Amino acid sequence: MSSENKSLLTKGIGGIGAALLVLNGLIGAGIFALPAKMALSSALSALTSF
């Protein structure tokens, strides 16, 4: 690699990448948290209906 190409390549996330990483974490947590809450509420209502 020439010195010109090395200066173009950086190992960094940046502000937009960091914001998207946080958004990804929020969405990922929601995928697992919401079904757990729904299962808990449906189980409680099923137990009380009998």
N, C-alpha and C. Protein backbone atom coordinates (compact mmCIF):
# COMPACT_ATOMS: atom_id res chain seq x y z
N MET A 1 0.84 -1.17 0.00
CA MET A 1 0.00 0.00 0.00
C MET A 1 0.88 1.24 0.00
N SER A 2 0.47 2.19 -0.74
CA SER A 2 1.24 3.44 -0.74
C SER A 2 0.82 4.31 0.44
N SER A 3 1.59 5.32 0.71
CA SER A 3 1.29 6.20 1.85
C SER A 3 0.00 6.99 1.63
N GLU A 4 -0.39 7.21 0.39
CA GLU A 4 -1.63 7.91 0.11
C GLU A 4 -2.85 7.07 0.52
N ASN A 5 -2.80 5.78 0.24
CA ASN A 5 -3.92 4.90 0.59
C ASN A 5 -4.02 4.69 2.09
N LYS A 6 -2.90 4.66 2.79
CA LYS A 6 -2.93 4.47 4.24
C LYS A 6 -3.61 5.64 4.94
N SER A 7 -3.45 6.82 4.43
CA SER A 7 -4.06 7.98 5.07
C SER A 7 -5.58 8.01 4.87
N LEU A 8 -6.09 7.33 3.87
CA LEU A 8 -7.53 7.30 3.63
C LEU A 8 -8.25 6.28 4.52
N LEU A 9 -7.53 5.26 4.97
CA LEU A 9 -8.15 4.21 5.76
C LEU A 9 -8.04 4.55 7.25
N THR A 10 -9.17 4.61 7.94
CA THR A 10 -9.16 4.89 9.37
C THR A 10 -9.95 3.82 10.10
N LYS A 11 -9.57 3.59 11.35
CA LYS A 11 -10.30 2.64 12.20
C LYS A 11 -11.08 3.44 13.23
N GLY A 12 -12.24 3.91 12.86
CA GLY A 12 -13.05 4.70 13.77
C GLY A 12 -14.52 4.51 13.50
N ILE A 13 -15.32 4.72 14.52
CA ILE A 13 -16.77 4.57 14.37
C ILE A 13 -17.39 5.90 13.98
N GLY A 14 -17.06 6.95 14.69
CA GLY A 14 -17.64 8.25 14.41
C GLY A 14 -18.94 8.45 15.14
N GLY A 15 -19.48 9.64 15.03
CA GLY A 15 -20.70 9.99 15.74
C GLY A 15 -21.93 9.26 15.22
N ILE A 16 -22.05 9.18 13.93
CA ILE A 16 -23.23 8.51 13.33
C ILE A 16 -23.19 7.01 13.62
N GLY A 17 -22.01 6.43 13.52
CA GLY A 17 -21.88 5.01 13.82
C GLY A 17 -22.19 4.69 15.26
N ALA A 18 -21.76 5.56 16.18
CA ALA A 18 -22.04 5.36 17.60
C ALA A 18 -23.54 5.48 17.87
N ALA A 19 -24.19 6.44 17.23
CA ALA A 19 -25.64 6.61 17.41
C ALA A 19 -26.39 5.40 16.87
N LEU A 20 -25.97 4.88 15.74
CA LEU A 20 -26.62 3.69 15.19
C LEU A 20 -26.36 2.46 16.05
N LEU A 21 -25.22 2.40 16.69
CA LEU A 21 -24.92 1.30 17.60
C LEU A 21 -25.84 1.32 18.81
N VAL A 22 -26.12 2.50 19.33
CA VAL A 22 -27.06 2.64 20.45
C VAL A 22 -28.47 2.27 20.00
N LEU A 23 -28.87 2.73 18.84
CA LEU A 23 -30.19 2.40 18.31
C LEU A 23 -30.33 0.90 18.10
N ASN A 24 -29.29 0.27 17.63
CA ASN A 24 -29.30 -1.18 17.43
C ASN A 24 -29.49 -1.90 18.77
N GLY A 25 -28.85 -1.41 19.81
CA GLY A 25 -29.01 -2.00 21.13
C GLY A 25 -30.42 -1.85 21.66
N LEU A 26 -31.02 -0.69 21.43
CA LEU A 26 -32.39 -0.47 21.89
C LEU A 26 -33.38 -1.38 21.16
N ILE A 27 -33.21 -1.51 19.87
CA ILE A 27 -34.11 -2.37 19.10
C ILE A 27 -33.90 -3.83 19.49
N GLY A 28 -32.65 -4.23 19.65
CA GLY A 28 -32.35 -5.61 20.05
C GLY A 28 -32.91 -5.94 21.41
N ALA A 29 -32.83 -5.00 22.34
CA ALA A 29 -33.40 -5.24 23.67
C ALA A 29 -34.92 -5.32 23.61
N GLY A 30 -35.51 -4.53 22.75
CA GLY A 30 -36.97 -4.55 22.60
C GLY A 30 -37.47 -5.85 22.01
N ILE A 31 -36.68 -6.45 21.15
CA ILE A 31 -37.09 -7.72 20.53
C ILE A 31 -37.23 -8.81 21.59
N PHE A 32 -36.36 -8.78 22.60
CA PHE A 32 -36.43 -9.81 23.63
C PHE A 32 -37.30 -9.40 24.82
N ALA A 33 -37.39 -8.12 25.11
CA ALA A 33 -38.14 -7.67 26.29
C ALA A 33 -39.64 -7.70 26.06
N LEU A 34 -40.11 -7.28 24.92
CA LEU A 34 -41.55 -7.20 24.66
C LEU A 34 -42.20 -8.58 24.66
N PRO A 35 -41.68 -9.58 23.97
CA PRO A 35 -42.32 -10.90 24.05
C PRO A 35 -42.33 -11.48 25.46
N ALA A 36 -41.30 -11.17 26.25
CA ALA A 36 -41.27 -11.67 27.63
C ALA A 36 -42.38 -11.04 28.45
N LYS A 37 -42.60 -9.73 28.27
CA LYS A 37 -43.69 -9.06 28.99
C LYS A 37 -45.05 -9.59 28.55
N MET A 38 -45.19 -9.83 27.25
CA MET A 38 -46.46 -10.34 26.74
C MET A 38 -46.72 -11.75 27.26
N ALA A 39 -45.70 -12.58 27.31
CA ALA A 39 -45.87 -13.94 27.81
C ALA A 39 -46.22 -13.94 29.28
N LEU A 40 -45.60 -13.04 30.04
CA LEU A 40 -45.91 -12.96 31.47
C LEU A 40 -47.34 -12.51 31.69
N SER A 41 -47.78 -11.50 30.96
CA SER A 41 -49.15 -11.02 31.15
C SER A 41 -50.19 -12.04 30.69
N SER A 42 -49.90 -12.77 29.63
CA SER A 42 -50.86 -13.77 29.17
C SER A 42 -50.88 -14.97 30.12
N ALA A 43 -49.74 -15.29 30.71
CA ALA A 43 -49.72 -16.40 31.66
C ALA A 43 -50.49 -16.05 32.92
N LEU A 44 -50.35 -14.82 33.38
CA LEU A 44 -51.07 -14.40 34.58
C LEU A 44 -52.57 -14.37 34.32
N SER A 45 -52.99 -13.91 33.16
CA SER A 45 -54.42 -13.86 32.87
C SER A 45 -54.97 -15.27 32.65
N ALA A 46 -54.14 -16.16 32.10
CA ALA A 46 -54.61 -17.54 31.91
C ALA A 46 -54.78 -18.24 33.25
N LEU A 47 -53.89 -17.95 34.19
CA LEU A 47 -54.01 -18.59 35.51
C LEU A 47 -55.22 -18.08 36.27
N THR A 48 -55.53 -16.81 36.13
CA THR A 48 -56.66 -16.24 36.86
C THR A 48 -58.00 -16.60 36.23
N SER A 49 -57.99 -17.00 34.96
CA SER A 49 -59.26 -17.32 34.30
C SER A 49 -59.76 -18.71 34.71
N PHE A 50 -58.89 -19.55 35.21
CA PHE A 50 -59.33 -20.88 35.63
C PHE A 50 -59.78 -20.80 37.02
